[in-house]
Amino acid sequence: MNQIDISAMMQQVAKNANELAKLPILDEKQRNYLYNMAAQKCQAGDYINAVPLFQFLVLFDRTDVNSIKGLAGALHGAARYSDAINCYHMTYLQDSMNHVDSLFYMADCNIKLNKLDEAKKEHSRFFKLCK
């Protein structure tokens, strides 16, 4: 899958969410390619351009915890803290034992939003589960 294919599919989705059903199904290799591209953008600090790639992956599989967590991290890096909190919360709800760190990241986002009481609650939950 090349950059043009990804761009065209994302533009089609952006025009109308109902068009998603008309898009070709992504196989595992293509999903991994998109995930790795998004992860590389995050590693390079290009969070703003990683967000739509992760969003696209989540549209195809809303149960993929790794894509949701990748989206959360990209949103966090792009200073979209409220959206990041929602995604971190989703990962924690889907698999709390393997995503305890989501509580820590939610607390960090709340601190950045100056919601200190919420941050304190998330830190408490995090440390309680880490014992």
Protein backbone atom coordinates (compact mmCIF):
# COMPACT_ATOMS: atom_id res chain seq x y z
CA MET A 1 0.00 0.00 0.00
CA ASN A 2 1.52 3.30 -0.95
CA GLN A 3 0.99 6.81 0.41
CA ILE A 4 -1.46 7.73 -2.39
CA ASP A 5 -3.76 4.80 -1.56
CA ILE A 6 -3.84 5.77 2.12
CA SER A 7 -4.51 9.40 1.33
CA ALA A 8 -7.34 8.57 -1.08
CA MET A 9 -9.00 6.24 1.41
CA MET A 10 -8.72 8.78 4.22
CA GLN A 11 -10.20 11.50 2.00
CA GLN A 12 -13.10 9.22 1.12
CA VAL A 13 -13.78 8.51 4.79
CA ALA A 14 -13.55 12.21 5.63
CA LYS A 15 -16.18 13.05 3.01
CA ASN A 16 -18.78 10.69 4.38
CA ALA A 17 -18.50 8.17 7.18
CA ASN A 18 -21.08 5.98 5.40
CA GLU A 19 -18.59 5.49 2.60
CA LEU A 20 -16.48 3.30 4.89
CA ALA A 21 -18.41 0.23 3.78
CA LYS A 22 -17.29 0.86 0.19
CA LEU A 23 -13.59 0.89 1.06
CA PRO A 24 -11.50 -2.21 0.44
CA ILE A 25 -10.92 -4.39 3.46
CA LEU A 26 -7.43 -3.97 4.85
CA ASP A 27 -5.57 -7.20 5.35
CA GLU A 28 -3.27 -7.74 8.32
CA LYS A 29 -0.15 -6.73 6.36
CA GLN A 30 -1.75 -3.43 5.32
CA ARG A 31 -2.97 -2.72 8.88
CA ASN A 32 0.52 -3.41 10.22
CA TYR A 33 1.99 -1.09 7.59
CA LEU A 34 -0.37 1.73 8.61
CA TYR A 35 0.24 1.10 12.30
CA ASN A 36 4.03 1.18 11.83
CA MET A 37 3.79 4.35 9.75
CA ALA A 38 1.72 6.03 12.47
CA ALA A 39 4.08 4.81 15.20
CA GLN A 40 7.08 6.16 13.28
CA LYS A 41 5.38 9.55 13.00
CA CYS A 42 4.88 9.54 16.79
CA GLN A 43 8.50 8.59 17.39
CA ALA A 44 9.54 11.50 15.17
CA GLY A 45 7.29 13.86 17.15
CA ASP A 46 4.85 14.26 14.24
CA TYR A 47 1.77 13.58 16.37
CA ILE A 48 -0.60 15.69 14.30
CA ASN A 49 -0.04 13.52 11.23
CA ALA A 50 -0.08 10.29 13.23
CA VAL A 51 -3.58 11.01 14.60
CA PRO A 52 -5.50 10.46 11.32
CA LEU A 53 -3.61 7.23 10.61
CA PHE A 54 -4.52 5.82 14.02
CA GLN A 55 -8.09 7.11 13.63
CA PHE A 56 -8.32 5.30 10.32
CA LEU A 57 -7.13 2.04 11.93
CA VAL A 58 -9.64 2.43 14.76
CA LEU A 59 -12.45 2.92 12.22
CA PHE A 60 -11.66 -0.49 10.77
CA ASP A 61 -11.43 -2.26 14.12
CA ARG A 62 -12.79 -0.48 17.16
CA THR A 63 -11.70 -3.37 19.37
CA ASP A 64 -7.99 -3.18 18.48
CA VAL A 65 -6.56 -1.98 21.77
CA ASN A 66 -3.12 -1.29 20.26
CA SER A 67 -4.56 1.09 17.65
CA ILE A 68 -6.73 2.81 20.25
CA LYS A 69 -3.74 3.22 22.55
CA GLY A 70 -1.65 4.49 19.64
CA LEU A 71 -4.39 7.02 18.92
CA ALA A 72 -4.41 8.03 22.59
CA GLY A 73 -0.66 8.59 22.55
CA ALA A 74 -0.80 10.60 19.33
CA LEU A 75 -3.64 12.75 20.69
CA HIS A 76 -1.69 13.23 23.92
CA GLY A 77 1.38 14.32 21.97
CA ALA A 78 -0.75 16.67 19.84
CA ALA A 79 -2.05 18.33 23.05
CA ARG A 80 -5.60 17.07 22.47
CA TYR A 81 -5.81 15.99 26.09
CA SER A 82 -9.56 15.48 26.45
CA ASP A 83 -9.64 13.22 23.39
CA ALA A 84 -6.56 11.37 24.64
CA ILE A 85 -8.23 10.75 28.01
CA ASN A 86 -11.22 9.18 26.25
CA CYS A 87 -8.98 6.84 24.26
CA TYR A 88 -6.84 5.89 27.25
CA HIS A 89 -10.04 5.17 29.15
CA MET A 90 -11.23 2.88 26.34
CA THR A 91 -7.99 0.88 26.43
CA TYR A 92 -8.21 0.55 30.18
CA LEU A 93 -11.83 -0.61 30.04
CA GLN A 94 -11.10 -3.19 27.35
CA ASP A 95 -8.05 -4.69 29.06
CA SER A 96 -7.40 -3.21 32.49
CA MET A 97 -4.72 -5.68 33.55
CA ASN A 98 -2.48 -4.97 30.56
CA HIS A 99 -3.17 -1.25 30.33
CA VAL A 100 -2.77 0.03 33.88
CA ASP A 101 -0.39 2.63 32.44
CA SER A 102 -3.41 4.23 30.76
CA LEU A 103 -4.44 5.49 34.20
CA PHE A 104 -1.08 7.22 34.56
CA TYR A 105 -1.41 8.85 31.13
CA MET A 106 -4.97 9.92 31.91
CA ALA A 107 -3.65 11.59 35.05
CA ASP A 108 -0.98 13.39 33.03
CA CYS A 109 -3.61 14.68 30.59
CA ASN A 110 -5.76 15.87 33.47
CA ILE A 111 -2.79 17.73 34.93
CA LYS A 112 -2.25 19.45 31.60
CA LEU A 113 -5.95 20.40 31.59
CA ASN A 114 -5.52 21.70 35.16
CA LYS A 115 -8.03 19.12 36.44
CA LEU A 116 -5.96 18.30 39.46
CA ASP A 117 -8.63 16.44 41.42
CA GLU A 118 -9.19 14.09 38.49
CA ALA A 119 -5.45 13.63 38.09
CA LYS A 120 -5.13 12.74 41.76
CA LYS A 121 -7.88 10.10 41.42
CA GLU A 122 -6.19 8.52 38.39
CA HIS A 123 -2.78 8.50 40.11
CA SER A 124 -4.34 6.85 43.18
CA ARG A 125 -5.96 4.15 41.04
CA PHE A 126 -2.70 3.63 39.17
CA PHE A 127 -0.56 3.23 42.30
CA LYS A 128 -3.15 1.01 43.98
CA LEU A 129 -3.07 -1.38 41.02
CA CYS A 130 0.74 -1.37 40.82
CA LYS A 131 1.16 -2.81 44.33
